[in-house]
């Protein structure tokens, strides 16, 4: 398990991008996480799924492309491929030095 201890002062220096949205949300078996690209970014990035206490539960490789909305399907599982229990999760991706965050609810 990866810990992400972050002090308040570190968060103060973070620059945030637009929020991530998802549909359906709440979801049962899968959801599509929408990443708003402000410009063309033809690179690979990692979308993290986090517990409410900040532990990274899953990482999804994302091949980015042209500006606009990029969608990533998440099947509600952890790194081991097992379904995560119902609850609140967060998704996070860092693009151009900005942190994009979203909230997910699994039923």
C-alpha atoms as a PDB file:
ATOM      1  CA  UNK A   1       0.000   0.000   0.000  1.00  0.00           C
ATOM      2  CA  UNK A   2       1.263   3.444  -0.865  1.00  0.00           C
ATOM      3  CA  UNK A   3       0.938   6.171   1.742  1.00  0.00           C
ATOM      4  CA  UNK A   4       0.583   9.798   0.696  1.00  0.00           C
ATOM      5  CA  UNK A   5       1.267  11.870   3.797  1.00  0.00           C
ATOM      6  CA  UNK A   6       0.940  15.507   2.799  1.00  0.00           C
ATOM      7  CA  UNK A   7       1.238  18.417   5.188  1.00  0.00           C
ATOM      8  CA  UNK A   8      -1.092  21.394   4.940  1.00  0.00           C
ATOM      9  CA  UNK A   9       1.743  23.627   3.723  1.00  0.00           C
ATOM     10  CA  UNK A  10       2.437  21.241   0.825  1.00  0.00           C
ATOM     11  CA  UNK A  11      -1.235  21.401  -0.268  1.00  0.00           C
ATOM     12  CA  UNK A  12      -1.050  25.210  -0.180  1.00  0.00           C
ATOM     13  CA  UNK A  13       1.588  25.091  -2.925  1.00  0.00           C
ATOM     14  CA  UNK A  14      -0.339  22.702  -5.154  1.00  0.00           C
ATOM     15  CA  UNK A  15      -1.928  24.106  -8.290  1.00  0.00           C
ATOM     16  CA  UNK A  16      -5.233  22.450  -9.141  1.00  0.00           C
ATOM     17  CA  UNK A  17      -6.684  21.789 -12.560  1.00  0.00           C
ATOM     18  CA  UNK A  18     -10.395  21.395 -13.321  1.00  0.00           C
ATOM     19  CA  UNK A  19     -12.291  18.770 -11.330  1.00  0.00           C
ATOM     20  CA  UNK A  20     -12.619  15.262 -12.692  1.00  0.00           C
ATOM     21  CA  UNK A  21     -16.186  14.082 -13.241  1.00  0.00           C
ATOM     22  CA  UNK A  22     -17.553  10.590 -13.806  1.00  0.00           C
ATOM     23  CA  UNK A  23     -20.675   8.859 -15.040  1.00  0.00           C
ATOM     24  CA  UNK A  24     -22.511   6.987 -13.800  1.00  0.00           C
ATOM     25  CA  UNK A  25     -21.702   8.321 -10.357  1.00  0.00           C
ATOM     26  CA  UNK A  26     -22.739   6.742  -8.026  1.00  0.00           C
ATOM     27  CA  UNK A  27     -21.961   3.458  -9.813  1.00  0.00           C
ATOM     28  CA  UNK A  28     -22.128  -0.277  -9.128  1.00  0.00           C
ATOM     29  CA  UNK A  29     -19.856  -2.098 -11.579  1.00  0.00           C
ATOM     30  CA  UNK A  30     -18.019   0.553 -13.610  1.00  0.00           C
ATOM     31  CA  UNK A  31     -17.781   4.274 -14.238  1.00  0.00           C
ATOM     32  CA  UNK A  32     -16.242   6.516 -16.892  1.00  0.00           C
ATOM     33  CA  UNK A  33     -13.906   9.127 -15.414  1.00  0.00           C
ATOM     34  CA  UNK A  34     -13.704  12.266 -17.550  1.00  0.00           C
ATOM     35  CA  UNK A  35     -10.390  14.113 -17.749  1.00  0.00           C
ATOM     36  CA  UNK A  36     -10.673  17.637 -19.216  1.00  0.00           C
ATOM     37  CA  UNK A  37      -7.549  18.344 -21.268  1.00  0.00           C
ATOM     38  CA  UNK A  38      -6.921  22.069 -21.567  1.00  0.00           C
ATOM     39  CA  UNK A  39      -4.487  21.497 -24.445  1.00  0.00           C
ATOM     40  CA  UNK A  40      -3.149  18.664 -26.592  1.00  0.00           C
ATOM     41  CA  UNK A  41      -1.164  16.265 -24.381  1.00  0.00           C
ATOM     42  CA  UNK A  42       0.041  13.304 -26.380  1.00  0.00           C
ATOM     43  CA  UNK A  43       1.639  11.418 -23.514  1.00  0.00           C
ATOM     44  CA  UNK A  44       0.955   8.650 -21.034  1.00  0.00           C
ATOM     45  CA  UNK A  45      -0.176   9.528 -17.534  1.00  0.00           C
ATOM     46  CA  UNK A  46      -1.382   7.617 -14.482  1.00  0.00           C
ATOM     47  CA  UNK A  47      -4.877   8.031 -13.044  1.00  0.00           C
ATOM     48  CA  UNK A  48      -4.899   7.000  -9.382  1.00  0.00           C
ATOM     49  CA  UNK A  49      -7.867   5.673  -7.425  1.00  0.00           C
ATOM     50  CA  UNK A  50      -7.560   6.600  -3.753  1.00  0.00           C
ATOM     51  CA  UNK A  51      -9.285   5.696  -0.511  1.00  0.00           C
ATOM     52  CA  UNK A  52     -10.744   8.555   1.524  1.00  0.00           C
ATOM     53  CA  UNK A  53      -7.581   8.501   3.694  1.00  0.00           C
ATOM     54  CA  UNK A  54      -5.333   8.969   0.653  1.00  0.00           C
ATOM     55  CA  UNK A  55      -4.055   5.430   0.083  1.00  0.00           C
ATOM     56  CA  UNK A  56      -3.532   4.581  -3.600  1.00  0.00           C
ATOM     57  CA  UNK A  57      -5.735   1.545  -4.309  1.00  0.00           C
ATOM     58  CA  UNK A  58      -5.373   1.309  -8.085  1.00  0.00           C
ATOM     59  CA  UNK A  59      -3.466   2.961 -10.915  1.00  0.00           C
ATOM     60  CA  UNK A  60      -4.726   3.190 -14.476  1.00  0.00           C
ATOM     61  CA  UNK A  61      -2.409   4.004 -17.373  1.00  0.00           C
ATOM     62  CA  UNK A  62      -3.995   6.662 -19.580  1.00  0.00           C
ATOM     63  CA  UNK A  63      -2.881   7.506 -23.105  1.00  0.00           C
ATOM     64  CA  UNK A  64      -3.715  11.185 -23.493  1.00  0.00           C
ATOM     65  CA  UNK A  65      -4.481  12.917 -26.765  1.00  0.00           C
ATOM     66  CA  UNK A  66      -6.070  16.034 -28.212  1.00  0.00           C
ATOM     67  CA  UNK A  67      -7.567  18.799 -26.077  1.00  0.00           C
ATOM     68  CA  UNK A  68     -11.083  18.082 -24.850  1.00  0.00           C
ATOM     69  CA  UNK A  69     -12.612  15.383 -22.677  1.00  0.00           C
ATOM     70  CA  UNK A  70     -10.649  12.146 -22.292  1.00  0.00           C
ATOM     71  CA  UNK A  71     -12.579   9.222 -20.790  1.00  0.00           C
ATOM     72  CA  UNK A  72     -11.157   6.361 -18.742  1.00  0.00           C
ATOM     73  CA  UNK A  73     -13.227   3.347 -17.706  1.00  0.00           C
ATOM     74  CA  UNK A  74     -12.716   2.060 -14.153  1.00  0.00           C
ATOM     75  CA  UNK A  75     -14.320  -1.218 -13.158  1.00  0.00           C
ATOM     76  CA  UNK A  76     -14.352  -0.546  -9.411  1.00  0.00           C
ATOM     77  CA  UNK A  77     -11.457  -2.896  -8.649  1.00  0.00           C
ATOM     78  CA  UNK A  78      -8.201  -2.508  -6.766  1.00  0.00           C
ATOM     79  CA  UNK A  79      -4.692  -3.374  -7.947  1.00  0.00           C
ATOM     80  CA  UNK A  80      -5.325  -7.086  -7.380  1.00  0.00           C
ATOM     81  CA  UNK A  81      -8.349  -7.074  -9.700  1.00  0.00           C
ATOM     82  CA  UNK A  82     -10.759  -7.733  -6.831  1.00  0.00           C
ATOM     83  CA  UNK A  83     -13.813  -5.462  -6.534  1.00  0.00           C
ATOM     84  CA  UNK A  84     -13.431  -2.727  -3.930  1.00  0.00           C
ATOM     85  CA  UNK A  85     -16.214  -2.504  -1.326  1.00  0.00           C
ATOM     86  CA  UNK A  86     -18.976   0.081  -1.662  1.00  0.00           C
ATOM     87  CA  UNK A  87     -17.909   3.508  -0.452  1.00  0.00           C
ATOM     88  CA  UNK A  88     -16.405   6.856  -1.368  1.00  0.00           C
ATOM     89  CA  UNK A  89     -13.220   6.982  -3.433  1.00  0.00           C
ATOM     90  CA  UNK A  90     -11.212   9.729  -5.075  1.00  0.00           C
ATOM     91  CA  UNK A  91      -9.500   9.825  -8.449  1.00  0.00           C
ATOM     92  CA  UNK A  92      -6.392  11.905  -9.103  1.00  0.00           C
ATOM     93  CA  UNK A  93      -4.176  12.658 -12.066  1.00  0.00           C
ATOM     94  CA  UNK A  94      -1.325  15.154 -12.407  1.00  0.00           C
ATOM     95  CA  UNK A  95      -1.082  16.942 -15.774  1.00  0.00           C
ATOM     96  CA  UNK A  96       1.202  19.873 -16.592  1.00  0.00           C
ATOM     97  CA  UNK A  97       2.079  20.167 -12.902  1.00  0.00           C
ATOM     98  CA  UNK A  98      -1.588  20.574 -11.916  1.00  0.00           C
ATOM     99  CA  UNK A  99      -3.534  18.121  -9.738  1.00  0.00           C
ATOM    100  CA  UNK A 100      -6.963  17.101 -11.047  1.00  0.00           C
ATOM    101  CA  UNK A 101      -9.260  15.500  -8.445  1.00  0.00           C
ATOM    102  CA  UNK A 102     -12.667  13.861  -8.516  1.00  0.00           C
ATOM    103  CA  UNK A 103     -14.969  12.044  -6.097  1.00  0.00           C
ATOM    104  CA  UNK A 104     -16.495   8.641  -6.878  1.00  0.00           C
ATOM    105  CA  UNK A 105     -19.247   6.795  -5.024  1.00  0.00           C
ATOM    106  CA  UNK A 106     -19.522   3.022  -5.407  1.00  0.00           C
ATOM    107  CA  UNK A 107     -22.763   1.302  -4.372  1.00  0.00           C
END
